[in-house]
């Protein structure tokens, strides 16, 4: 094997259906979360904008993360769950390929949360994006995996 600059060869892996779910949380005061929910912000359509941003990020992950292989995505979905002081952006990605879509799901969730941050930054400087993590994955040699639930 020669020095290929640190790239990973996945050609020996089987092409299988793979799935990953990730989340990222925007934490902000209740009035900012309510403004997102009610579309009452100067930057309109925060959820539609964040959903589109998450979809685009998932589809462009290989151009953002140097060691990610471009993979054949078969589905990307972004959804939001609200709490009093947070919005959780969840991104689910499916692919039929030799490597899994974990990074695509993580990028999609993180960018969706960042897009929400962008919509409220004019009314709330103290908001923060936290807890970007892989929640679950299926497929490939390692099979099914789910993150342990925590109090955080």
Protein backbone atom coordinates (compact mmCIF):
# COMPACT_ATOMS: atom_id res chain seq x y z
CA UNK A 1 0.00 0.00 0.00
CA UNK A 2 1.38 3.39 -0.92
CA UNK A 3 0.89 6.71 0.87
CA UNK A 4 -2.35 8.03 -0.59
CA UNK A 5 -2.40 11.19 1.47
CA UNK A 6 -4.60 9.68 4.17
CA UNK A 7 -7.55 8.68 2.02
CA UNK A 8 -9.55 5.59 2.88
CA UNK A 9 -10.31 2.91 0.28
CA UNK A 10 -13.86 1.56 0.64
CA UNK A 11 -13.88 -0.47 -2.58
CA UNK A 12 -13.79 -3.79 -0.70
CA UNK A 13 -16.92 -2.97 1.32
CA UNK A 14 -20.33 -4.24 0.23
CA UNK A 15 -22.91 -1.85 -1.19
CA UNK A 16 -25.81 -1.98 1.27
CA UNK A 17 -28.69 0.14 2.49
CA UNK A 18 -27.42 2.42 5.25
CA UNK A 19 -29.20 4.94 7.48
CA UNK A 20 -28.12 7.54 10.02
CA UNK A 21 -29.97 9.96 12.29
CA UNK A 22 -28.30 12.94 13.96
CA UNK A 23 -29.46 15.90 15.97
CA UNK A 24 -28.32 19.37 16.91
CA UNK A 25 -30.01 21.60 19.48
CA UNK A 26 -30.56 25.36 19.38
CA UNK A 27 -30.92 26.74 22.92
CA UNK A 28 -32.44 30.20 23.37
CA UNK A 29 -34.81 32.11 25.65
CA UNK A 30 -38.50 31.07 25.43
CA UNK A 31 -39.49 34.23 23.52
CA UNK A 32 -36.97 33.46 20.76
CA UNK A 33 -38.15 29.84 20.50
CA UNK A 34 -41.75 31.07 20.35
CA UNK A 35 -40.83 33.56 17.60
CA UNK A 36 -39.42 30.67 15.52
CA UNK A 37 -42.54 28.62 16.13
CA UNK A 38 -44.87 31.49 15.16
CA UNK A 39 -42.83 32.73 12.17
CA UNK A 40 -42.61 36.10 13.92
CA UNK A 41 -39.07 37.07 12.96
CA UNK A 42 -37.62 39.64 10.55
CA UNK A 43 -36.11 36.71 8.60
CA UNK A 44 -39.29 34.90 7.55
CA UNK A 45 -39.96 31.18 7.26
CA UNK A 46 -37.33 30.02 9.77
CA UNK A 47 -38.34 26.35 9.72
CA UNK A 48 -38.56 26.10 5.93
CA UNK A 49 -35.23 27.91 5.62
CA UNK A 50 -33.55 25.67 8.21
CA UNK A 51 -35.00 22.54 6.60
CA UNK A 52 -33.65 23.58 3.18
CA UNK A 53 -30.26 24.41 4.71
CA UNK A 54 -30.09 21.00 6.39
CA UNK A 55 -31.00 19.20 3.17
CA UNK A 56 -28.37 21.11 1.20
CA UNK A 57 -25.71 20.48 3.85
CA UNK A 58 -26.38 16.74 3.88
CA UNK A 59 -26.09 16.63 0.10
CA UNK A 60 -22.83 18.61 0.09
CA UNK A 61 -21.04 16.94 2.98
CA UNK A 62 -18.32 15.37 0.82
CA UNK A 63 -17.33 18.83 -0.40
CA UNK A 64 -17.19 20.19 3.19
CA UNK A 65 -15.43 17.38 5.08
CA UNK A 66 -12.15 16.41 3.39
CA UNK A 67 -12.13 12.67 4.17
CA UNK A 68 -15.82 12.02 3.38
CA UNK A 69 -16.53 9.98 0.29
CA UNK A 70 -19.34 11.21 -1.94
CA UNK A 71 -22.11 8.67 -1.42
CA UNK A 72 -25.37 7.88 -3.19
CA UNK A 73 -28.00 9.42 -0.93
CA UNK A 74 -31.47 7.97 -1.40
CA UNK A 75 -33.25 10.12 1.18
CA UNK A 76 -32.76 13.12 3.44
CA UNK A 77 -35.34 14.42 5.93
CA UNK A 78 -35.05 17.27 8.43
CA UNK A 79 -37.56 17.69 11.27
CA UNK A 80 -37.83 19.87 14.34
CA UNK A 81 -38.90 19.19 17.93
CA UNK A 82 -39.71 22.11 20.21
CA UNK A 83 -39.24 22.55 23.95
CA UNK A 84 -39.59 25.72 26.04
CA UNK A 85 -36.00 26.86 25.56
CA UNK A 86 -34.80 24.77 22.63
CA UNK A 87 -35.44 23.45 19.16
CA UNK A 88 -33.92 20.12 18.20
CA UNK A 89 -33.08 19.74 14.53
CA UNK A 90 -33.03 16.07 13.51
CA UNK A 91 -31.67 14.88 10.19
CA UNK A 92 -32.24 11.36 8.87
CA UNK A 93 -30.26 10.23 5.85
CA UNK A 94 -30.44 7.00 3.88
CA UNK A 95 -28.00 5.79 1.26
CA UNK A 96 -27.19 2.70 -0.77
CA UNK A 97 -23.41 2.67 -0.80
CA UNK A 98 -20.18 1.24 0.60
CA UNK A 99 -19.97 3.64 3.54
CA UNK A 100 -22.56 5.12 5.84
CA UNK A 101 -24.23 8.53 5.87
CA UNK A 102 -23.33 9.47 9.45
CA UNK A 103 -21.43 12.60 8.45
CA UNK A 104 -24.23 13.65 6.11
CA UNK A 105 -26.78 13.36 8.93
CA UNK A 106 -24.49 15.27 11.32
CA UNK A 107 -23.89 18.05 8.78
CA UNK A 108 -27.59 18.29 8.00
CA UNK A 109 -28.60 18.58 11.66
CA UNK A 110 -25.85 21.06 12.53
CA UNK A 111 -26.52 23.35 9.57
CA UNK A 112 -30.29 23.26 10.19
CA UNK A 113 -29.67 24.41 13.78
CA UNK A 114 -27.22 27.07 12.57
CA UNK A 115 -29.82 28.36 10.10
CA UNK A 116 -32.29 28.71 12.97
CA UNK A 117 -29.62 30.58 14.93
CA UNK A 118 -29.27 32.93 11.98
CA UNK A 119 -33.00 33.71 12.05
CA UNK A 120 -32.97 34.74 15.74
CA UNK A 121 -29.57 36.37 16.13
CA UNK A 122 -31.13 39.82 15.61
CA UNK A 123 -33.37 39.39 18.66
CA UNK A 124 -31.21 37.08 20.78
CA UNK A 125 -27.44 37.31 20.94
CA UNK A 126 -27.07 34.62 23.62
CA UNK A 127 -28.49 31.67 21.69
CA UNK A 128 -26.22 28.68 21.20
CA UNK A 129 -26.07 25.52 19.16
CA UNK A 130 -25.28 22.49 21.32
CA UNK A 131 -25.26 18.71 21.41
CA UNK A 132 -24.64 17.84 17.80
CA UNK A 133 -24.48 14.07 17.88
CA UNK A 134 -25.19 10.86 16.05
CA UNK A 135 -28.38 9.36 17.47
CA UNK A 136 -28.67 6.14 15.48
CA UNK A 137 -27.25 4.24 12.52
CA UNK A 138 -28.16 1.12 10.58
CA UNK A 139 -26.47 -0.92 7.90
CA UNK A 140 -23.06 -2.01 6.86
CA UNK A 141 -20.85 -4.49 8.65
CA UNK A 142 -21.46 -3.03 12.12
CA UNK A 143 -25.27 -3.24 11.83
CA UNK A 144 -27.53 -1.24 14.12
CA UNK A 145 -26.26 1.23 16.72
CA UNK A 146 -28.13 3.69 18.94
CA UNK A 147 -26.71 6.31 21.29
CA UNK A 148 -27.42 5.79 24.96
CA UNK A 149 -29.97 8.18 26.41
CA UNK A 150 -28.56 10.75 28.82
CA UNK A 151 -29.85 13.49 31.05
CA UNK A 152 -28.21 16.15 28.81
